[in-house]
């Protein structure tokens, strides 16, 4: 599918979702992804499932260390329902499974490991390069052919000088939400990280997604510690091979340094005529 025509970026709605009386969630226009105003960027729905996983009853003092999201089909900008269950529960670790449905049809699956937090004397081991300083305010920059009126405008992006989503990767960007995930609620470290994580491969654009079809089928976010603050940084790059597929990898930082990794499998193929 070709991207919708580019659009100016109006003021975003007040949140990505509004919780409804029956426990489902109304998707606002802020969830719309860059390829169409009718389908969501995978960041907000990933975070919506993460929110439900955090709220699922479990052992006190445990944290979600890894979430893998499987994107079954484009998530429509429509009412959504979330369900979470425990697949395996132990004394120290728990495997959770979540499902997001639209009009009764599954559109997203997720699994997460929740585990007891490491002890205070655990050494701090961080081997990745340091993140650049947070740049000052700047305009969004270009994203050719994209619909900018949804998720792209609901986030604040700060690329390094002279770069944008159109700049060939590897790439680095600082970003934060302009709106909360759910109206009337405070975001958590996990939901902020999940809201951003699906953007990693876009920050690392190194394959021509305009001429061919390049799209991720999944998102894995692994956090060795919970990020702090509203600003997060992604430093991302792409690997690809003939007769293979693409692989986007990202380092995630907060203001104190490295906090996790993002991994995305990329389908790389020809666009169908028409």
Protein backbone atom coordinates (compact mmCIF):
# COMPACT_ATOMS: atom_id res chain seq x y z
CA UNK A 1 0.00 0.00 0.00
CA UNK A 2 1.33 3.42 -0.91
CA UNK A 3 1.42 6.15 1.74
CA UNK A 4 -1.43 8.65 1.91
CA UNK A 5 -0.59 12.16 0.65
CA UNK A 6 1.46 14.26 3.04
CA UNK A 7 -0.54 16.47 5.35
CA UNK A 8 0.15 19.45 7.58
CA UNK A 9 0.34 18.70 11.30
CA UNK A 10 -2.62 20.10 13.28
CA UNK A 11 -2.74 20.22 17.07
CA UNK A 12 -3.02 16.61 18.32
CA UNK A 13 -6.00 15.33 20.37
CA UNK A 14 -5.64 15.35 24.14
CA UNK A 15 -4.62 11.66 24.35
CA UNK A 16 -4.01 8.56 22.24
CA UNK A 17 -6.97 6.72 23.80
CA UNK A 18 -10.07 7.32 25.90
CA UNK A 19 -11.29 4.50 28.15
CA UNK A 20 -14.96 3.67 27.60
CA UNK A 21 -17.52 2.52 30.15
CA UNK A 22 -17.38 -1.11 29.00
CA UNK A 23 -13.60 -1.31 29.49
CA UNK A 24 -12.73 -0.92 25.81
CA UNK A 25 -10.75 2.02 24.43
CA UNK A 26 -11.66 4.65 21.87
CA UNK A 27 -8.71 5.36 19.56
CA UNK A 28 -8.26 9.07 18.87
CA UNK A 29 -6.85 10.47 15.61
CA UNK A 30 -3.52 10.89 17.42
CA UNK A 31 -2.91 7.14 17.01
CA UNK A 32 -2.90 7.32 13.19
CA UNK A 33 0.38 6.23 11.65
CA UNK A 34 2.40 7.87 8.89
CA UNK A 35 1.00 5.67 6.09
CA UNK A 36 -2.74 6.36 6.54
CA UNK A 37 -5.08 8.27 8.86
CA UNK A 38 -7.18 5.08 9.09
CA UNK A 39 -4.55 2.78 10.62
CA UNK A 40 -2.50 3.20 13.77
CA UNK A 41 1.20 3.54 14.31
CA UNK A 42 2.15 0.43 16.30
CA UNK A 43 3.57 2.46 19.19
CA UNK A 44 0.32 3.43 20.97
CA UNK A 45 -1.38 -0.01 20.72
CA UNK A 46 1.82 -1.69 21.93
CA UNK A 47 1.78 0.64 24.93
CA UNK A 48 -1.94 -0.04 25.52
CA UNK A 49 -1.19 -3.77 25.85
CA UNK A 50 1.83 -2.97 28.04
CA UNK A 51 -0.42 -0.89 30.31
CA UNK A 52 -2.77 -3.86 30.76
CA UNK A 53 0.17 -6.18 31.48
CA UNK A 54 1.49 -3.86 34.19
CA UNK A 55 -1.96 -3.82 35.79
CA UNK A 56 -2.37 -7.61 35.69
CA UNK A 57 -2.17 -8.94 39.28
CA UNK A 58 1.25 -10.25 40.18
CA UNK A 59 4.00 -10.40 42.78
CA UNK A 60 4.89 -7.12 44.49
CA UNK A 61 8.28 -5.72 43.47
CA UNK A 62 8.32 -7.36 40.04
CA UNK A 63 8.88 -5.43 36.80
CA UNK A 64 8.35 -6.12 33.11
CA UNK A 65 11.80 -6.66 31.59
CA UNK A 66 10.90 -7.66 28.03
CA UNK A 67 7.88 -7.28 25.74
CA UNK A 68 7.53 -8.78 22.26
CA UNK A 69 4.67 -7.52 20.11
CA UNK A 70 3.45 -9.43 17.04
CA UNK A 71 1.65 -7.23 14.50
CA UNK A 72 -0.98 -9.49 12.96
CA UNK A 73 -2.52 -6.83 10.71
CA UNK A 74 -2.82 -3.03 10.59
CA UNK A 75 -4.53 -1.77 13.75
CA UNK A 76 -7.53 0.38 12.74
CA UNK A 77 -8.25 3.76 14.31
CA UNK A 78 -11.31 2.29 16.04
CA UNK A 79 -12.49 0.99 19.40
CA UNK A 80 -10.13 -1.63 20.86
CA UNK A 81 -10.34 -4.25 23.57
CA UNK A 82 -7.38 -5.61 25.55
CA UNK A 83 -7.13 -8.93 27.38
CA UNK A 84 -4.16 -10.26 29.38
CA UNK A 85 -3.54 -13.67 30.99
CA UNK A 86 -0.66 -15.35 32.79
CA UNK A 87 0.86 -18.21 30.76
CA UNK A 88 3.34 -19.22 33.42
CA UNK A 89 3.61 -18.00 37.01
CA UNK A 90 6.61 -18.76 39.22
CA UNK A 91 8.15 -17.43 42.41
CA UNK A 92 10.52 -15.09 40.56
CA UNK A 93 9.32 -14.85 36.94
CA UNK A 94 6.00 -14.68 35.15
CA UNK A 95 5.14 -14.93 31.46
CA UNK A 96 2.19 -12.78 30.41
CA UNK A 97 0.26 -12.90 27.15
CA UNK A 98 -1.87 -10.06 25.79
CA UNK A 99 -4.26 -9.70 22.86
CA UNK A 100 -5.67 -6.58 21.25
CA UNK A 101 -8.89 -6.93 19.25
CA UNK A 102 -10.87 -4.62 16.99
CA UNK A 103 -14.49 -5.53 16.26
CA UNK A 104 -13.77 -8.96 17.74
CA UNK A 105 -10.80 -9.68 15.44
CA UNK A 106 -7.26 -10.07 16.86
CA UNK A 107 -4.93 -7.37 15.49
CA UNK A 108 -1.98 -7.59 17.89
CA UNK A 109 -0.50 -10.23 20.18
CA UNK A 110 2.15 -9.69 22.86
CA UNK A 111 4.16 -11.66 25.39
CA UNK A 112 6.11 -10.23 28.30
CA UNK A 113 8.43 -11.51 31.00
CA UNK A 114 7.75 -9.99 34.40
CA UNK A 115 10.44 -10.74 36.99
CA UNK A 116 11.60 -9.72 40.44
CA UNK A 117 13.89 -6.70 40.40
CA UNK A 118 17.64 -7.30 40.71
CA UNK A 119 19.27 -6.61 44.11
CA UNK A 120 20.83 -3.25 44.95
CA UNK A 121 24.40 -4.62 44.74
CA UNK A 122 24.02 -5.69 41.08
CA UNK A 123 26.81 -4.01 39.06
CA UNK A 124 25.85 -1.40 36.46
CA UNK A 125 27.05 -2.84 33.13
CA UNK A 126 26.49 -0.64 30.07
CA UNK A 127 28.65 -1.19 27.00
CA UNK A 128 26.87 0.84 24.33
CA UNK A 129 28.02 4.28 23.14
CA UNK A 130 26.74 7.28 25.05
CA UNK A 131 23.70 9.14 23.76
CA UNK A 132 24.19 12.66 22.40
CA UNK A 133 22.89 15.57 24.50
CA UNK A 134 19.20 16.45 24.11
CA UNK A 135 19.04 19.05 21.30
CA UNK A 136 17.07 22.25 21.72
CA UNK A 137 13.58 22.74 20.24
CA UNK A 138 13.38 22.44 16.45
CA UNK A 139 10.79 21.89 13.71
CA UNK A 140 9.83 18.33 12.78
CA UNK A 141 11.69 18.27 9.47
CA UNK A 142 10.70 16.19 6.47
CA UNK A 143 9.06 12.77 6.15
CA UNK A 144 8.27 12.46 2.46
CA UNK A 145 4.86 11.06 1.59
CA UNK A 146 3.82 10.61 5.21
CA UNK A 147 0.58 11.50 6.94
CA UNK A 148 1.69 13.82 9.71
CA UNK A 149 -1.63 14.54 11.43
CA UNK A 150 -1.59 11.61 13.87
CA UNK A 151 1.20 9.93 15.84
CA UNK A 152 3.99 11.90 14.17
CA UNK A 153 2.49 15.18 15.42
CA UNK A 154 1.50 13.72 18.81
CA UNK A 155 5.19 13.18 19.54
CA UNK A 156 7.94 15.80 19.80
CA UNK A 157 11.03 14.81 17.80
CA UNK A 158 14.53 16.25 18.13
CA UNK A 159 17.00 14.90 15.58
CA UNK A 160 20.62 15.89 15.43
CA UNK A 161 21.27 19.07 13.41
CA UNK A 162 20.29 18.83 9.76
CA UNK A 163 18.69 15.37 10.03
CA UNK A 164 15.10 14.13 9.81
CA UNK A 165 13.12 10.97 9.08
CA UNK A 166 14.20 11.40 5.45
CA UNK A 167 17.90 11.21 6.33
CA UNK A 168 19.46 7.83 5.52
CA UNK A 169 20.34 5.89 8.64
CA UNK A 170 21.82 4.97 11.00
CA UNK A 171 19.98 7.65 12.93
CA UNK A 172 19.57 9.15 16.39
CA UNK A 173 16.56 11.01 17.79
CA UNK A 174 15.27 12.22 21.14
CA UNK A 175 11.48 12.08 21.49
CA UNK A 176 8.66 12.50 23.98
CA UNK A 177 4.88 12.28 23.96
CA UNK A 178 2.91 15.48 23.66
CA UNK A 179 -0.20 13.66 24.93
CA UNK A 180 -0.79 10.84 27.48
CA UNK A 181 -1.52 7.29 26.39
CA UNK A 182 -4.95 7.23 28.07
CA UNK A 183 -6.92 10.38 28.88
CA UNK A 184 -6.72 11.37 32.54
CA UNK A 185 -3.85 9.01 33.40
CA UNK A 186 -0.15 9.36 34.10
CA UNK A 187 2.09 7.42 31.73
CA UNK A 188 4.53 4.84 33.12
CA UNK A 189 8.13 4.15 32.19
CA UNK A 190 7.07 1.03 30.27
CA UNK A 191 4.25 2.68 28.32
CA UNK A 192 6.45 5.63 27.33
CA UNK A 193 9.13 3.23 26.07
CA UNK A 194 6.61 1.12 24.14
CA UNK A 195 4.96 4.18 22.60
CA UNK A 196 8.32 5.10 21.06
CA UNK A 197 9.86 1.68 20.38
CA UNK A 198 8.12 0.99 17.04
CA UNK A 199 9.71 4.16 15.62
CA UNK A 200 13.19 2.63 15.84
CA UNK A 201 13.28 1.31 12.27
CA UNK A 202 12.00 4.66 10.94
CA UNK A 203 14.87 6.41 12.71
CA UNK A 204 17.18 3.87 11.02
CA UNK A 205 15.76 4.18 7.46
CA UNK A 206 18.46 2.56 5.34
CA UNK A 207 16.23 0.56 2.96
CA UNK A 208 14.16 2.34 0.30
CA UNK A 209 10.64 2.07 1.75
CA UNK A 210 9.23 4.38 -0.97
CA UNK A 211 10.06 2.21 -3.99
CA UNK A 212 9.82 -1.20 -2.33
CA UNK A 213 7.73 -2.53 0.55
CA UNK A 214 9.61 -2.41 3.85
CA UNK A 215 7.54 -3.00 6.99
CA UNK A 216 8.16 -4.49 10.42
CA UNK A 217 6.25 -7.55 11.58
CA UNK A 218 7.13 -7.30 15.27
CA UNK A 219 8.70 -5.22 18.03
CA UNK A 220 10.82 -6.48 20.92
CA UNK A 221 11.62 -4.06 23.72
CA UNK A 222 14.03 -5.26 26.43
CA UNK A 223 14.73 -2.93 29.36
CA UNK A 224 17.56 -3.69 31.79
CA UNK A 225 16.22 -0.82 33.91
CA UNK A 226 13.11 1.33 33.84
CA UNK A 227 13.69 4.59 31.92
CA UNK A 228 13.26 7.81 33.87
CA UNK A 229 11.64 11.01 32.59
CA UNK A 230 9.55 11.92 29.57
CA UNK A 231 12.44 12.24 27.06
CA UNK A 232 13.83 9.05 25.50
CA UNK A 233 16.51 8.63 22.85
CA UNK A 234 16.80 6.01 20.09
CA UNK A 235 20.07 5.30 18.26
CA UNK A 236 19.08 2.87 15.50
CA UNK A 237 20.52 1.04 12.50
CA UNK A 238 19.40 -1.55 9.94
CA UNK A 239 20.93 -4.77 8.64
CA UNK A 240 19.66 -6.56 5.50
CA UNK A 241 20.73 -9.35 3.15
CA UNK A 242 19.73 -10.62 -0.32
CA UNK A 243 17.40 -13.63 -0.10
CA UNK A 244 16.90 -12.74 3.56
CA UNK A 245 15.08 -10.00 5.44
CA UNK A 246 15.79 -6.80 7.32
CA UNK A 247 16.66 -6.31 10.97
CA UNK A 248 16.42 -2.96 12.75
CA UNK A 249 18.20 -2.64 16.08
CA UNK A 250 18.07 0.30 18.45
CA UNK A 251 19.68 1.43 21.66
CA UNK A 252 17.28 3.22 24.01
CA UNK A 253 18.45 5.88 26.45
CA UNK A 254 17.01 8.28 28.98
CA UNK A 255 18.74 11.30 30.46
CA UNK A 256 20.94 9.07 32.63
CA UNK A 257 22.16 6.75 29.87
CA UNK A 258 21.49 3.36 28.29
CA UNK A 259 18.33 1.62 29.51
CA UNK A 260 17.40 -0.97 26.86
CA UNK A 261 17.27 -2.36 23.33
CA UNK A 262 14.71 -2.50 20.50
CA UNK A 263 14.67 -5.25 17.86
CA UNK A 264 12.38 -5.37 14.78
CA UNK A 265 12.15 -7.91 11.94
CA UNK A 266 11.58 -6.22 8.55
CA UNK A 267 9.72 -7.67 5.58
CA UNK A 268 11.60 -6.47 2.47
CA UNK A 269 9.84 -7.14 -0.83
CA UNK A 270 8.43 -5.56 -4.01
CA UNK A 271 5.26 -3.52 -3.94
CA UNK A 272 2.31 -5.10 -5.70
CA UNK A 273 1.04 -3.27 -8.77
CA UNK A 274 -2.12 -1.26 -8.07
